[in-house]
């Protein structure tokens, strides 16, 4: 007569052997209960990477040249309008790089590549790590940090990567602090 321990071992072995012959018997059944994955990013880093990118710097230099040419030609109204646009863009940039404002221009520049980036990472959404309200809408989501991937799309050089590292270590400033620091 077999002991209960030996009997249990034999039954377990038989059950495993039998199940192994059935296709899919002990395999995980895919469900829709998999946790959602969202891409999160430090908006300041992405804004900085875009702002200092070669493409943006070329466009900015062209706009500055256009404003200077308008001033030299005596086109006062055009110069004022261009200067106001540049000043507005500078304030926007400061709010994005030093604060937690959405990096609208950077995301616009990435618009065509974002779906593929999200798909490759298995993320269903992209949310700034500073956007607490939107993050609360995904309480059980696994967060995948896409900061470096997004910033990398703008091809930062070594000096820019060093600045990115320091931005990551700093806390964002409030809009009030940024505006107060403006000349």
C-alpha atoms as a PDB file:
ATOM      1  CA  UNK A   1       0.000   0.000   0.000  1.00  0.00           C
ATOM      2  CA  UNK A   2       1.323   3.431  -0.955  1.00  0.00           C
ATOM      3  CA  UNK A   3       1.676   6.242   1.549  1.00  0.00           C
ATOM      4  CA  UNK A   4      -0.459   9.333   1.043  1.00  0.00           C
ATOM      5  CA  UNK A   5       2.646  11.422   0.184  1.00  0.00           C
ATOM      6  CA  UNK A   6       3.689   9.008  -2.572  1.00  0.00           C
ATOM      7  CA  UNK A   7       0.113   8.852  -3.844  1.00  0.00           C
ATOM      8  CA  UNK A   8      -0.095  12.651  -4.064  1.00  0.00           C
ATOM      9  CA  UNK A   9       3.248  12.822  -5.896  1.00  0.00           C
ATOM     10  CA  UNK A  10       2.092  10.147  -8.353  1.00  0.00           C
ATOM     11  CA  UNK A  11      -1.262  11.921  -8.948  1.00  0.00           C
ATOM     12  CA  UNK A  12       0.456  15.287  -9.484  1.00  0.00           C
ATOM     13  CA  UNK A  13       2.897  13.730 -11.958  1.00  0.00           C
ATOM     14  CA  UNK A  14       0.050  12.038 -13.821  1.00  0.00           C
ATOM     15  CA  UNK A  15      -1.972  15.233 -13.957  1.00  0.00           C
ATOM     16  CA  UNK A  16       0.950  17.287 -15.271  1.00  0.00           C
ATOM     17  CA  UNK A  17       1.716  14.614 -17.866  1.00  0.00           C
ATOM     18  CA  UNK A  18      -1.903  14.455 -19.000  1.00  0.00           C
ATOM     19  CA  UNK A  19      -2.206  18.231 -19.218  1.00  0.00           C
ATOM     20  CA  UNK A  20       0.980  18.507 -21.228  1.00  0.00           C
ATOM     21  CA  UNK A  21      -0.644  16.462 -23.960  1.00  0.00           C
ATOM     22  CA  UNK A  22      -3.647  18.765 -24.209  1.00  0.00           C
ATOM     23  CA  UNK A  23      -2.986  21.802 -26.397  1.00  0.00           C
ATOM     24  CA  UNK A  24      -3.109  24.948 -24.311  1.00  0.00           C
ATOM     25  CA  UNK A  25      -4.186  23.178 -21.137  1.00  0.00           C
ATOM     26  CA  UNK A  26      -1.959  25.058 -18.691  1.00  0.00           C
ATOM     27  CA  UNK A  27      -1.149  28.042 -20.842  1.00  0.00           C
ATOM     28  CA  UNK A  28      -2.146  31.504 -19.787  1.00  0.00           C
ATOM     29  CA  UNK A  29      -5.332  32.594 -21.450  1.00  0.00           C
ATOM     30  CA  UNK A  30      -5.012  36.144 -22.776  1.00  0.00           C
ATOM     31  CA  UNK A  31      -7.426  38.509 -21.125  1.00  0.00           C
ATOM     32  CA  UNK A  32      -8.259  42.152 -21.302  1.00  0.00           C
ATOM     33  CA  UNK A  33      -7.246  42.408 -17.655  1.00  0.00           C
ATOM     34  CA  UNK A  34      -3.631  43.247 -18.557  1.00  0.00           C
ATOM     35  CA  UNK A  35      -2.664  46.499 -16.882  1.00  0.00           C
ATOM     36  CA  UNK A  36      -2.725  49.565 -19.067  1.00  0.00           C
ATOM     37  CA  UNK A  37       0.658  51.031 -19.926  1.00  0.00           C
ATOM     38  CA  UNK A  38       1.090  54.753 -20.422  1.00  0.00           C
ATOM     39  CA  UNK A  39       4.105  56.678 -21.571  1.00  0.00           C
ATOM     40  CA  UNK A  40       5.161  59.427 -19.199  1.00  0.00           C
ATOM     41  CA  UNK A  41       7.745  62.096 -19.875  1.00  0.00           C
ATOM     42  CA  UNK A  42       9.422  65.080 -18.259  1.00  0.00           C
ATOM     43  CA  UNK A  43       7.969  67.895 -20.335  1.00  0.00           C
ATOM     44  CA  UNK A  44      10.858  70.223 -19.443  1.00  0.00           C
ATOM     45  CA  UNK A  45      13.416  67.880 -21.001  1.00  0.00           C
ATOM     46  CA  UNK A  46      11.400  67.425 -24.184  1.00  0.00           C
ATOM     47  CA  UNK A  47      10.844  71.192 -24.474  1.00  0.00           C
ATOM     48  CA  UNK A  48      14.557  71.875 -24.005  1.00  0.00           C
ATOM     49  CA  UNK A  49      15.590  69.192 -26.511  1.00  0.00           C
ATOM     50  CA  UNK A  50      13.226  70.667 -29.110  1.00  0.00           C
ATOM     51  CA  UNK A  51      14.203  74.276 -28.395  1.00  0.00           C
ATOM     52  CA  UNK A  52      17.923  73.554 -28.776  1.00  0.00           C
ATOM     53  CA  UNK A  53      17.503  71.296 -31.814  1.00  0.00           C
ATOM     54  CA  UNK A  54      19.240  72.331 -35.015  1.00  0.00           C
ATOM     55  CA  UNK A  55      15.966  72.651 -36.898  1.00  0.00           C
ATOM     56  CA  UNK A  56      14.407  74.961 -34.329  1.00  0.00           C
ATOM     57  CA  UNK A  57      17.544  77.046 -33.874  1.00  0.00           C
ATOM     58  CA  UNK A  58      17.749  77.593 -37.660  1.00  0.00           C
ATOM     59  CA  UNK A  59      14.102  78.664 -37.792  1.00  0.00           C
ATOM     60  CA  UNK A  60      14.582  80.948 -34.789  1.00  0.00           C
ATOM     61  CA  UNK A  61      17.657  82.581 -36.331  1.00  0.00           C
ATOM     62  CA  UNK A  62      15.692  83.170 -39.543  1.00  0.00           C
ATOM     63  CA  UNK A  63      12.905  84.870 -37.586  1.00  0.00           C
ATOM     64  CA  UNK A  64      15.407  87.038 -35.713  1.00  0.00           C
ATOM     65  CA  UNK A  65      17.050  88.009 -39.022  1.00  0.00           C
ATOM     66  CA  UNK A  66      13.630  88.881 -40.450  1.00  0.00           C
ATOM     67  CA  UNK A  67      12.887  91.096 -37.427  1.00  0.00           C
ATOM     68  CA  UNK A  68      16.271  92.831 -37.750  1.00  0.00           C
ATOM     69  CA  UNK A  69      15.710  93.396 -41.457  1.00  0.00           C
ATOM     70  CA  UNK A  70      12.297  94.912 -40.739  1.00  0.00           C
ATOM     71  CA  UNK A  71      13.858  97.259 -38.177  1.00  0.00           C
ATOM     72  CA  UNK A  72      16.665  98.235 -40.573  1.00  0.00           C
ATOM     73  CA  UNK A  73      14.107  98.907 -43.322  1.00  0.00           C
ATOM     74  CA  UNK A  74      12.128 101.166 -41.008  1.00  0.00           C
ATOM     75  CA  UNK A  75       9.130  98.814 -40.958  1.00  0.00           C
ATOM     76  CA  UNK A  76       8.272  99.698 -37.373  1.00  0.00           C
ATOM     77  CA  UNK A  77       4.910  97.936 -37.201  1.00  0.00           C
ATOM     78  CA  UNK A  78       6.283  94.732 -38.712  1.00  0.00           C
ATOM     79  CA  UNK A  79       9.322  94.856 -36.412  1.00  0.00           C
ATOM     80  CA  UNK A  80       7.092  95.310 -33.347  1.00  0.00           C
ATOM     81  CA  UNK A  81       4.860  92.418 -34.385  1.00  0.00           C
ATOM     82  CA  UNK A  82       7.828  90.119 -34.993  1.00  0.00           C
ATOM     83  CA  UNK A  83       9.459  91.196 -31.724  1.00  0.00           C
ATOM     84  CA  UNK A  84       6.233  90.526 -29.836  1.00  0.00           C
ATOM     85  CA  UNK A  85       6.018  87.027 -31.393  1.00  0.00           C
ATOM     86  CA  UNK A  86       9.607  86.284 -30.404  1.00  0.00           C
ATOM     87  CA  UNK A  87       9.050  87.578 -26.861  1.00  0.00           C
ATOM     88  CA  UNK A  88       5.896  85.457 -26.548  1.00  0.00           C
ATOM     89  CA  UNK A  89       7.763  82.377 -27.787  1.00  0.00           C
ATOM     90  CA  UNK A  90      10.565  83.076 -25.317  1.00  0.00           C
ATOM     91  CA  UNK A  91       8.090  83.248 -22.419  1.00  0.00           C
ATOM     92  CA  UNK A  92       6.423  80.039 -23.613  1.00  0.00           C
ATOM     93  CA  UNK A  93       9.818  78.371 -23.788  1.00  0.00           C
ATOM     94  CA  UNK A  94      10.682  79.463 -20.256  1.00  0.00           C
ATOM     95  CA  UNK A  95       7.372  78.153 -18.911  1.00  0.00           C
ATOM     96  CA  UNK A  96       7.997  74.825 -20.668  1.00  0.00           C
ATOM     97  CA  UNK A  97      11.705  74.349 -19.877  1.00  0.00           C
ATOM     98  CA  UNK A  98      11.748  75.722 -16.328  1.00  0.00           C
ATOM     99  CA  UNK A  99       8.149  74.977 -15.373  1.00  0.00           C
ATOM    100  CA  UNK A 100       5.711  72.239 -16.206  1.00  0.00           C
ATOM    101  CA  UNK A 101       3.788  73.738 -19.131  1.00  0.00           C
ATOM    102  CA  UNK A 102       2.962  71.363 -21.981  1.00  0.00           C
ATOM    103  CA  UNK A 103       5.713  71.503 -24.630  1.00  0.00           C
ATOM    104  CA  UNK A 104       3.269  72.180 -27.444  1.00  0.00           C
ATOM    105  CA  UNK A 105       5.825  72.959 -30.152  1.00  0.00           C
ATOM    106  CA  UNK A 106       7.941  69.923 -29.290  1.00  0.00           C
ATOM    107  CA  UNK A 107       4.933  67.602 -29.351  1.00  0.00           C
ATOM    108  CA  UNK A 108       3.825  69.124 -32.640  1.00  0.00           C
ATOM    109  CA  UNK A 109       7.269  68.421 -34.080  1.00  0.00           C
ATOM    110  CA  UNK A 110       6.958  64.791 -32.894  1.00  0.00           C
ATOM    111  CA  UNK A 111       3.329  64.398 -33.999  1.00  0.00           C
ATOM    112  CA  UNK A 112       3.993  62.002 -36.868  1.00  0.00           C
ATOM    113  CA  UNK A 113       6.430  59.818 -34.884  1.00  0.00           C
ATOM    114  CA  UNK A 114       4.491  59.631 -31.599  1.00  0.00           C
ATOM    115  CA  UNK A 115       2.111  56.816 -32.601  1.00  0.00           C
ATOM    116  CA  UNK A 116       5.031  54.556 -33.551  1.00  0.00           C
ATOM    117  CA  UNK A 117       6.959  55.437 -30.374  1.00  0.00           C
ATOM    118  CA  UNK A 118       3.925  54.605 -28.239  1.00  0.00           C
ATOM    119  CA  UNK A 119       3.266  51.400 -30.172  1.00  0.00           C
ATOM    120  CA  UNK A 120       6.865  50.198 -29.790  1.00  0.00           C
ATOM    121  CA  UNK A 121       6.670  50.769 -26.040  1.00  0.00           C
ATOM    122  CA  UNK A 122       3.212  49.251 -25.695  1.00  0.00           C
ATOM    123  CA  UNK A 123       1.800  52.487 -24.317  1.00  0.00           C
ATOM    124  CA  UNK A 124      -1.768  53.614 -24.924  1.00  0.00           C
ATOM    125  CA  UNK A 125      -1.269  57.267 -23.997  1.00  0.00           C
ATOM    126  CA  UNK A 126       1.406  59.892 -23.469  1.00  0.00           C
ATOM    127  CA  UNK A 127       1.173  61.990 -20.300  1.00  0.00           C
ATOM    128  CA  UNK A 128       3.502  64.541 -18.773  1.00  0.00           C
ATOM    129  CA  UNK A 129       4.776  63.391 -15.402  1.00  0.00           C
ATOM    130  CA  UNK A 130       3.659  66.785 -14.063  1.00  0.00           C
ATOM    131  CA  UNK A 131       0.046  66.382 -15.272  1.00  0.00           C
ATOM    132  CA  UNK A 132      -1.418  65.013 -12.049  1.00  0.00           C
ATOM    133  CA  UNK A 133      -5.043  65.291 -13.201  1.00  0.00           C
ATOM    134  CA  UNK A 134      -4.484  63.113 -16.268  1.00  0.00           C
ATOM    135  CA  UNK A 135      -2.307  60.658 -14.333  1.00  0.00           C
ATOM    136  CA  UNK A 136      -5.198  60.214 -11.872  1.00  0.00           C
ATOM    137  CA  UNK A 137      -7.321  59.029 -14.804  1.00  0.00           C
ATOM    138  CA  UNK A 138      -4.916  56.081 -15.153  1.00  0.00           C
ATOM    139  CA  UNK A 139      -4.501  54.980 -11.511  1.00  0.00           C
ATOM    140  CA  UNK A 140      -3.575  51.373 -12.246  1.00  0.00           C
ATOM    141  CA  UNK A 141      -1.497  51.989 -15.344  1.00  0.00           C
ATOM    142  CA  UNK A 142       2.098  50.917 -15.539  1.00  0.00           C
ATOM    143  CA  UNK A 143       4.138  54.006 -16.357  1.00  0.00           C
ATOM    144  CA  UNK A 144       6.899  53.776 -18.952  1.00  0.00           C
ATOM    145  CA  UNK A 145       9.326  56.721 -18.903  1.00  0.00           C
ATOM    146  CA  UNK A 146       9.705  57.934 -22.484  1.00  0.00           C
ATOM    147  CA  UNK A 147      11.582  61.143 -21.647  1.00  0.00           C
ATOM    148  CA  UNK A 148      14.912  60.094 -23.130  1.00  0.00           C
ATOM    149  CA  UNK A 149      13.314  58.526 -26.202  1.00  0.00           C
ATOM    150  CA  UNK A 150      11.344  61.696 -26.962  1.00  0.00           C
ATOM    151  CA  UNK A 151      14.306  63.988 -26.297  1.00  0.00           C
ATOM    152  CA  UNK A 152      16.502  61.742 -28.433  1.00  0.00           C
ATOM    153  CA  UNK A 153      14.267  62.420 -31.413  1.00  0.00           C
ATOM    154  CA  UNK A 154      15.804  65.936 -31.463  1.00  0.00           C
ATOM    155  CA  UNK A 155      19.387  64.572 -31.522  1.00  0.00           C
ATOM    156  CA  UNK A 156      20.882  66.436 -28.549  1.00  0.00           C
ATOM    157  CA  UNK A 157      24.665  66.774 -28.469  1.00  0.00           C
ATOM    158  CA  UNK A 158      26.843  66.019 -25.433  1.00  0.00           C
ATOM    159  CA  UNK A 159      26.485  69.522 -23.976  1.00  0.00           C
ATOM    160  CA  UNK A 160      22.705  69.407 -24.381  1.00  0.00           C
ATOM    161  CA  UNK A 161      22.563  65.938 -22.783  1.00  0.00           C
ATOM    162  CA  UNK A 162      24.474  67.323 -19.789  1.00  0.00           C
ATOM    163  CA  UNK A 163      21.910  70.129 -19.487  1.00  0.00           C
ATOM    164  CA  UNK A 164      19.104  67.575 -19.798  1.00  0.00           C
ATOM    165  CA  UNK A 165      20.587  65.657 -16.864  1.00  0.00           C
ATOM    166  CA  UNK A 166      20.596  68.820 -14.741  1.00  0.00           C
ATOM    167  CA  UNK A 167      17.019  69.660 -15.744  1.00  0.00           C
ATOM    168  CA  UNK A 168      15.927  66.208 -14.599  1.00  0.00           C
ATOM    169  CA  UNK A 169      17.481  66.791 -11.160  1.00  0.00           C
ATOM    170  CA  UNK A 170      15.784  70.160 -10.643  1.00  0.00           C
ATOM    171  CA  UNK A 171      12.226  70.733  -9.506  1.00  0.00           C
ATOM    172  CA  UNK A 172      10.005  72.660 -11.917  1.00  0.00           C
ATOM    173  CA  UNK A 173       9.328  76.281 -11.056  1.00  0.00           C
ATOM    174  CA  UNK A 174       5.838  77.681 -10.804  1.00  0.00           C
ATOM    175  CA  UNK A 175       4.616  80.010 -13.552  1.00  0.00           C
ATOM    176  CA  UNK A 176       4.654  82.823 -10.992  1.00  0.00           C
ATOM    177  CA  UNK A 177       8.349  82.212 -10.229  1.00  0.00           C
ATOM    178  CA  UNK A 178       9.223  82.157 -13.926  1.00  0.00           C
ATOM    179  CA  UNK A 179       7.334  85.336 -14.756  1.00  0.00           C
ATOM    180  CA  UNK A 180       8.861  87.124 -11.748  1.00  0.00           C
ATOM    181  CA  UNK A 181      12.356  86.206 -12.992  1.00  0.00           C
ATOM    182  CA  UNK A 182      11.765  87.713 -16.446  1.00  0.00           C
ATOM    183  CA  UNK A 183      13.606  91.022 -17.123  1.00  0.00           C
END
